[in-house]
């Protein structure tokens, strides 16, 4: 089932991650849903910088974007 999720996110949420050797580093948690490395941010949100307010977009697997509309019944 496909879903449309509406949220505003302008940056990733930063968390401290500890690896198996005990090293701590700061990682960004993806807030846009486009990262190929979920739940971590990989910078894919940069694709959204020129989105227009009030327009619904669909991002395809190949990285392309298209405007779309939804019908609510």
PDB file of N, CA and C in Angstrom:
ATOM      1  N   UNK A   1       0.847  -1.173   0.000  1.00  0.00           N
ATOM      2  CA  UNK A   1       0.000   0.000   0.000  1.00  0.00           C
ATOM      3  C   UNK A   1       0.888   1.231   0.000  1.00  0.00           C
ATOM      4  N   UNK A   2       0.587   2.184  -0.855  1.00  0.00           N
ATOM      5  CA  UNK A   2       1.333   3.443  -0.907  1.00  0.00           C
ATOM      6  C   UNK A   2       0.753   4.424   0.100  1.00  0.00           C
ATOM      7  N   UNK A   3       1.608   5.278   0.626  1.00  0.00           N
ATOM      8  CA  UNK A   3       1.183   6.285   1.591  1.00  0.00           C
ATOM      9  C   UNK A   3       1.805   7.616   1.241  1.00  0.00           C
ATOM     10  N   UNK A   4       1.100   8.672   1.540  1.00  0.00           N
ATOM     11  CA  UNK A   4       1.643  10.017   1.417  1.00  0.00           C
ATOM     12  C   UNK A   4       1.837  10.533   2.830  1.00  0.00           C
ATOM     13  N   UNK A   5       3.057  10.931   3.152  1.00  0.00           N
ATOM     14  CA  UNK A   5       3.370  11.440   4.482  1.00  0.00           C
ATOM     15  C   UNK A   5       3.740  12.904   4.342  1.00  0.00           C
ATOM     16  N   UNK A   6       3.018  13.750   5.027  1.00  0.00           N
ATOM     17  CA  UNK A   6       3.269  15.187   4.958  1.00  0.00           C
ATOM     18  C   UNK A   6       3.993  15.614   6.233  1.00  0.00           C
ATOM     19  N   UNK A   7       5.170  16.190   6.081  1.00  0.00           N
ATOM     20  CA  UNK A   7       5.898  16.717   7.228  1.00  0.00           C
ATOM     21  C   UNK A   7       6.892  17.742   6.727  1.00  0.00           C
ATOM     22  N   UNK A   8       7.281  18.606   7.602  1.00  0.00           N
ATOM     23  CA  UNK A   8       8.301  19.602   7.280  1.00  0.00           C
ATOM     24  C   UNK A   8       9.589  19.201   7.968  1.00  0.00           C
ATOM     25  N   UNK A   9      10.640  19.111   7.205  1.00  0.00           N
ATOM     26  CA  UNK A   9      11.947  18.811   7.769  1.00  0.00           C
ATOM     27  C   UNK A   9      12.980  19.580   6.977  1.00  0.00           C
ATOM     28  N   UNK A  10      13.806  20.315   7.667  1.00  0.00           N
ATOM     29  CA  UNK A  10      14.785  21.147   6.988  1.00  0.00           C
ATOM     30  C   UNK A  10      16.221  20.709   7.247  1.00  0.00           C
ATOM     31  N   UNK A  11      16.391  19.742   8.104  1.00  0.00           N
ATOM     32  CA  UNK A  11      17.733  19.246   8.394  1.00  0.00           C
ATOM     33  C   UNK A  11      17.614  17.888   9.058  1.00  0.00           C
ATOM     34  N   UNK A  12      18.692  17.158   9.100  1.00  0.00           N
ATOM     35  CA  UNK A  12      18.674  15.869   9.791  1.00  0.00           C
ATOM     36  C   UNK A  12      18.759  16.094  11.297  1.00  0.00           C
ATOM     37  N   UNK A  13      18.309  15.110  12.038  1.00  0.00           N
ATOM     38  CA  UNK A  13      18.397  15.143  13.497  1.00  0.00           C
ATOM     39  C   UNK A  13      19.702  14.459  13.879  1.00  0.00           C
ATOM     40  N   UNK A  14      20.518  15.098  14.685  1.00  0.00           N
ATOM     41  CA  UNK A  14      21.835  14.563  15.040  1.00  0.00           C
ATOM     42  C   UNK A  14      21.773  13.706  16.304  1.00  0.00           C
ATOM     43  N   UNK A  15      22.420  12.548  16.242  1.00  0.00           N
ATOM     44  CA  UNK A  15      22.534  11.656  17.399  1.00  0.00           C
ATOM     45  C   UNK A  15      23.967  11.143  17.488  1.00  0.00           C
ATOM     46  N   UNK A  16      24.369  10.759  18.690  1.00  0.00           N
ATOM     47  CA  UNK A  16      25.687  10.157  18.873  1.00  0.00           C
ATOM     48  C   UNK A  16      25.554   8.648  18.721  1.00  0.00           C
ATOM     49  N   UNK A  17      26.429   8.066  17.916  1.00  0.00           N
ATOM     50  CA  UNK A  17      26.422   6.633  17.655  1.00  0.00           C
ATOM     51  C   UNK A  17      27.740   6.056  18.153  1.00  0.00           C
ATOM     52  N   UNK A  18      27.668   4.935  18.867  1.00  0.00           N
ATOM     53  CA  UNK A  18      28.863   4.257  19.372  1.00  0.00           C
ATOM     54  C   UNK A  18      29.040   2.970  18.573  1.00  0.00           C
ATOM     55  N   UNK A  19      30.216   2.797  17.959  1.00  0.00           N
ATOM     56  CA  UNK A  19      30.454   1.588  17.168  1.00  0.00           C
ATOM     57  C   UNK A  19      30.949   0.450  18.053  1.00  0.00           C
ATOM     58  N   UNK A  20      31.238  -0.702  17.459  1.00  0.00           N
ATOM     59  CA  UNK A  20      31.645  -1.901  18.203  1.00  0.00           C
ATOM     60  C   UNK A  20      32.956  -1.713  18.961  1.00  0.00           C
ATOM     61  N   UNK A  21      33.803  -0.789  18.510  1.00  0.00           N
ATOM     62  CA  UNK A  21      35.073  -0.525  19.191  1.00  0.00           C
ATOM     63  C   UNK A  21      34.944   0.531  20.279  1.00  0.00           C
ATOM     64  N   UNK A  22      33.740   1.071  20.478  1.00  0.00           N
ATOM     65  CA  UNK A  22      33.531   2.079  21.503  1.00  0.00           C
ATOM     66  C   UNK A  22      33.761   3.509  21.041  1.00  0.00           C
ATOM     67  N   UNK A  23      34.020   3.687  19.745  1.00  0.00           N
ATOM     68  CA  UNK A  23      34.207   5.032  19.196  1.00  0.00           C
ATOM     69  C   UNK A  23      32.858   5.722  19.039  1.00  0.00           C
ATOM     70  N   UNK A  24      32.808   6.981  19.432  1.00  0.00           N
ATOM     71  CA  UNK A  24      31.578   7.757  19.340  1.00  0.00           C
ATOM     72  C   UNK A  24      31.703   8.776  18.217  1.00  0.00           C
ATOM     73  N   UNK A  25      30.637   8.887  17.422  1.00  0.00           N
ATOM     74  CA  UNK A  25      30.620   9.919  16.383  1.00  0.00           C
ATOM     75  C   UNK A  25      29.193  10.416  16.210  1.00  0.00           C
ATOM     76  N   UNK A  26      29.084  11.607  15.675  1.00  0.00           N
ATOM     77  CA  UNK A  26      27.796  12.239  15.447  1.00  0.00           C
ATOM     78  C   UNK A  26      27.267  11.813  14.086  1.00  0.00           C
ATOM     79  N   UNK A  27      26.030  11.324  14.040  1.00  0.00           N
ATOM     80  CA  UNK A  27      25.394  10.908  12.785  1.00  0.00           C
ATOM     81  C   UNK A  27      24.074  11.632  12.632  1.00  0.00           C
ATOM     82  N   UNK A  28      23.683  11.899  11.410  1.00  0.00           N
ATOM     83  CA  UNK A  28      22.397  12.520  11.131  1.00  0.00           C
ATOM     84  C   UNK A  28      21.350  11.464  10.842  1.00  0.00           C
ATOM     85  N   UNK A  29      20.188  11.611  11.429  1.00  0.00           N
ATOM     86  CA  UNK A  29      19.059  10.728  11.155  1.00  0.00           C
ATOM     87  C   UNK A  29      18.231  11.372  10.048  1.00  0.00           C
ATOM     88  N   UNK A  30      17.911  10.626   9.011  1.00  0.00           N
ATOM     89  CA  UNK A  30      17.174  11.138   7.856  1.00  0.00           C
ATOM     90  C   UNK A  30      15.799  11.627   8.284  1.00  0.00           C
ATOM     91  N   UNK A  31      15.460  12.845   7.864  1.00  0.00           N
ATOM     92  CA  UNK A  31      14.149  13.423   8.144  1.00  0.00           C
ATOM     93  C   UNK A  31      13.320  13.566   6.873  1.00  0.00           C
ATOM     94  N   UNK A  32      13.915  13.363   5.693  1.00  0.00           N
ATOM     95  CA  UNK A  32      13.178  13.563   4.441  1.00  0.00           C
ATOM     96  C   UNK A  32      12.651  12.257   3.857  1.00  0.00           C
ATOM     97  N   UNK A  33      13.237  11.121   4.266  1.00  0.00           N
ATOM     98  CA  UNK A  33      12.798   9.826   3.747  1.00  0.00           C
ATOM     99  C   UNK A  33      13.445   9.420   2.439  1.00  0.00           C
ATOM    100  N   UNK A  34      14.370  10.210   1.917  1.00  0.00           N
ATOM    101  CA  UNK A  34      14.987   9.924   0.623  1.00  0.00           C
ATOM    102  C   UNK A  34      16.334   9.216   0.721  1.00  0.00           C
ATOM    103  N   UNK A  35      16.902   9.106   1.892  1.00  0.00           N
ATOM    104  CA  UNK A  35      18.228   8.521   2.043  1.00  0.00           C
ATOM    105  C   UNK A  35      18.243   7.059   1.601  1.00  0.00           C
ATOM    106  N   UNK A  36      19.306   6.661   0.927  1.00  0.00           N
ATOM    107  CA  UNK A  36      19.490   5.246   0.573  1.00  0.00           C
ATOM    108  C   UNK A  36      20.195   4.503   1.697  1.00  0.00           C
ATOM    109  N   UNK A  37      20.461   5.201   2.797  1.00  0.00           N
ATOM    110  CA  UNK A  37      21.168   4.631   3.936  1.00  0.00           C
ATOM    111  C   UNK A  37      20.325   4.791   5.211  1.00  0.00           C
ATOM    112  N   UNK A  38      19.005   4.597   5.093  1.00  0.00           N
ATOM    113  CA  UNK A  38      18.120   4.780   6.250  1.00  0.00           C
ATOM    114  C   UNK A  38      18.532   3.889   7.401  1.00  0.00           C
ATOM    115  N   UNK A  39      18.440   4.348   8.615  1.00  0.00           N
ATOM    116  CA  UNK A  39      17.819   5.591   9.047  1.00  0.00           C
ATOM    117  C   UNK A  39      18.755   6.801   9.001  1.00  0.00           C
ATOM    118  N   UNK A  40      19.963   6.606   8.473  1.00  0.00           N
ATOM    119  CA  UNK A  40      20.943   7.687   8.498  1.00  0.00           C
ATOM    120  C   UNK A  40      20.831   8.592   7.267  1.00  0.00           C
ATOM    121  N   UNK A  41      21.160   9.852   7.449  1.00  0.00           N
ATOM    122  CA  UNK A  41      21.143  10.854   6.383  1.00  0.00           C
ATOM    123  C   UNK A  41      22.337  10.637   5.458  1.00  0.00           C
ATOM    124  N   UNK A  42      22.084  10.730   4.145  1.00  0.00           N
ATOM    125  CA  UNK A  42      23.186  10.670   3.186  1.00  0.00           C
ATOM    126  C   UNK A  42      23.245  11.912   2.296  1.00  0.00           C
ATOM    127  N   UNK A  43      22.485  12.952   2.679  1.00  0.00           N
ATOM    128  CA  UNK A  43      22.496  14.197   1.923  1.00  0.00           C
ATOM    129  C   UNK A  43      21.459  14.273   0.815  1.00  0.00           C
ATOM    130  N   UNK A  44      20.629  13.245   0.672  1.00  0.00           N
ATOM    131  CA  UNK A  44      19.624  13.238  -0.384  1.00  0.00           C
ATOM    132  C   UNK A  44      18.613  14.367  -0.254  1.00  0.00           C
ATOM    133  N   UNK A  45      18.475  14.946   0.934  1.00  0.00           N
ATOM    134  CA  UNK A  45      17.526  16.042   1.127  1.00  0.00           C
ATOM    135  C   UNK A  45      17.869  17.257   0.275  1.00  0.00           C
ATOM    136  N   UNK A  46      19.086  17.317  -0.221  1.00  0.00           N
ATOM    137  CA  UNK A  46      19.470  18.445  -1.082  1.00  0.00           C
ATOM    138  C   UNK A  46      18.633  18.480  -2.361  1.00  0.00           C
ATOM    139  N   UNK A  47      18.079  17.311  -2.759  1.00  0.00           N
ATOM    140  CA  UNK A  47      17.215  17.253  -3.936  1.00  0.00           C
ATOM    141  C   UNK A  47      15.942  18.072  -3.741  1.00  0.00           C
ATOM    142  N   UNK A  48      15.581  18.364  -2.502  1.00  0.00           N
ATOM    143  CA  UNK A  48      14.313  19.033  -2.206  1.00  0.00           C
ATOM    144  C   UNK A  48      14.449  20.550  -2.085  1.00  0.00           C
ATOM    145  N   UNK A  49      15.637  21.086  -2.233  1.00  0.00           N
ATOM    146  CA  UNK A  49      15.868  22.507  -1.966  1.00  0.00           C
ATOM    147  C   UNK A  49      15.039  23.446  -2.835  1.00  0.00           C
ATOM    148  N   UNK A  50      14.701  23.048  -4.052  1.00  0.00           N
ATOM    149  CA  UNK A  50      13.943  23.932  -4.936  1.00  0.00           C
ATOM    150  C   UNK A  50      12.462  23.557  -5.048  1.00  0.00           C
ATOM    151  N   UNK A  51      11.964  22.774  -4.095  1.00  0.00           N
ATOM    152  CA  UNK A  51      10.539  22.444  -4.090  1.00  0.00           C
ATOM    153  C   UNK A  51       9.716  23.705  -3.836  1.00  0.00           C
ATOM    154  N   UNK A  52       8.549  23.769  -4.459  1.00  0.00           N
ATOM    155  CA  UNK A  52       7.646  24.894  -4.263  1.00  0.00           C
ATOM    156  C   UNK A  52       6.660  24.587  -3.143  1.00  0.00           C
ATOM    157  N   UNK A  53       6.320  25.606  -2.369  1.00  0.00           N
ATOM    158  CA  UNK A  53       5.355  25.477  -1.282  1.00  0.00           C
ATOM    159  C   UNK A  53       3.995  25.047  -1.859  1.00  0.00           C
ATOM    160  N   UNK A  54       3.358  24.096  -1.224  1.00  0.00           N
ATOM    161  CA  UNK A  54       2.023  23.665  -1.615  1.00  0.00           C
ATOM    162  C   UNK A  54       1.976  22.686  -2.779  1.00  0.00           C
ATOM    163  N   UNK A  55       3.130  22.250  -3.275  1.00  0.00           N
ATOM    164  CA  UNK A  55       3.168  21.285  -4.377  1.00  0.00           C
ATOM    165  C   UNK A  55       3.592  19.935  -3.820  1.00  0.00           C
ATOM    166  N   UNK A  56       2.899  18.872  -4.236  1.00  0.00           N
ATOM    167  CA  UNK A  56       3.224  17.518  -3.803  1.00  0.00           C
ATOM    168  C   UNK A  56       4.145  16.887  -4.835  1.00  0.00           C
ATOM    169  N   UNK A  57       5.259  16.332  -4.387  1.00  0.00           N
ATOM    170  CA  UNK A  57       6.236  15.725  -5.284  1.00  0.00           C
ATOM    171  C   UNK A  57       6.373  14.239  -4.990  1.00  0.00           C
ATOM    172  N   UNK A  58       6.729  13.506  -6.023  1.00  0.00           N
ATOM    173  CA  UNK A  58       7.052  12.087  -5.892  1.00  0.00           C
ATOM    174  C   UNK A  58       8.493  11.924  -6.360  1.00  0.00           C
ATOM    175  N   UNK A  59       9.304  11.261  -5.555  1.00  0.00           N
ATOM    176  CA  UNK A  59      10.697  10.979  -5.916  1.00  0.00           C
ATOM    177  C   UNK A  59      10.790   9.517  -6.324  1.00  0.00           C
ATOM    178  N   UNK A  60      11.281   9.283  -7.528  1.00  0.00           N
ATOM    179  CA  UNK A  60      11.377   7.933  -8.082  1.00  0.00           C
ATOM    180  C   UNK A  60      12.691   7.266  -7.686  1.00  0.00           C
ATOM    181  N   UNK A  61      12.741   5.966  -7.853  1.00  0.00           N
ATOM    182  CA  UNK A  61      13.933   5.185  -7.493  1.00  0.00           C
ATOM    183  C   UNK A  61      15.187   5.683  -8.211  1.00  0.00           C
ATOM    184  N   UNK A  62      15.040   6.195  -9.431  1.00  0.00           N
ATOM    185  CA  UNK A  62      16.203   6.654 -10.193  1.00  0.00           C
ATOM    186  C   UNK A  62      16.632   8.074  -9.825  1.00  0.00           C
ATOM    187  N   UNK A  63      15.970   8.677  -8.800  1.00  0.00           N
ATOM    188  CA  UNK A  63      16.348  10.001  -8.333  1.00  0.00           C
ATOM    189  C   UNK A  63      15.604  11.138  -8.999  1.00  0.00           C
ATOM    190  N   UNK A  64      14.782  10.834  -9.999  1.00  0.00           N
ATOM    191  CA  UNK A  64      14.009  11.883 -10.653  1.00  0.00           C
ATOM    192  C   UNK A  64      12.813  12.269  -9.792  1.00  0.00           C
ATOM    193  N   UNK A  65      12.286  13.452 -10.059  1.00  0.00           N
ATOM    194  CA  UNK A  65      11.162  13.976  -9.283  1.00  0.00           C
ATOM    195  C   UNK A  65      10.050  14.389 -10.234  1.00  0.00           C
ATOM    196  N   UNK A  66       8.824  14.189  -9.803  1.00  0.00           N
ATOM    197  CA  UNK A  66       7.687  14.636 -10.594  1.00  0.00           C
ATOM    198  C   UNK A  66       6.612  15.183  -9.667  1.00  0.00           C
ATOM    199  N   UNK A  67       5.850  16.129 -10.190  1.00  0.00           N
ATOM    200  CA  UNK A  67       4.713  16.650  -9.432  1.00  0.00           C
ATOM    201  C   UNK A  67       3.591  15.630  -9.526  1.00  0.00           C
ATOM    202  N   UNK A  68       2.832  15.505  -8.469  1.00  0.00           N
ATOM    203  CA  UNK A  68       1.702  14.592  -8.508  1.00  0.00           C
ATOM    204  C   UNK A  68       0.547  15.182  -7.719  1.00  0.00           C
ATOM    205  N   UNK A  69      -0.592  14.566  -7.851  1.00  0.00           N
ATOM    206  CA  UNK A  69      -1.770  15.008  -7.111  1.00  0.00           C
ATOM    207  C   UNK A  69      -2.422  13.797  -6.492  1.00  0.00           C
ATOM    208  N   UNK A  70      -3.209  14.026  -5.469  1.00  0.00           N
ATOM    209  CA  UNK A  70      -3.922  12.943  -4.819  1.00  0.00           C
ATOM    210  C   UNK A  70      -5.404  13.282  -4.796  1.00  0.00           C
ATOM    211  N   UNK A  71      -6.228  12.261  -4.824  1.00  0.00           N
ATOM    212  CA  UNK A  71      -7.661  12.434  -4.712  1.00  0.00           C
ATOM    213  C   UNK A  71      -8.092  11.810  -3.412  1.00  0.00           C
ATOM    214  N   UNK A  72      -8.783  12.588  -2.601  1.00  0.00           N
ATOM    215  CA  UNK A  72      -9.275  12.100  -1.306  1.00  0.00           C
ATOM    216  C   UNK A  72     -10.770  11.864  -1.437  1.00  0.00           C
ATOM    217  N   UNK A  73     -11.191  10.656  -1.169  1.00  0.00           N
ATOM    218  CA  UNK A  73     -12.616  10.333  -1.282  1.00  0.00           C
ATOM    219  C   UNK A  73     -13.239  10.184   0.068  1.00  0.00           C
TER     220      UNK A  73
END
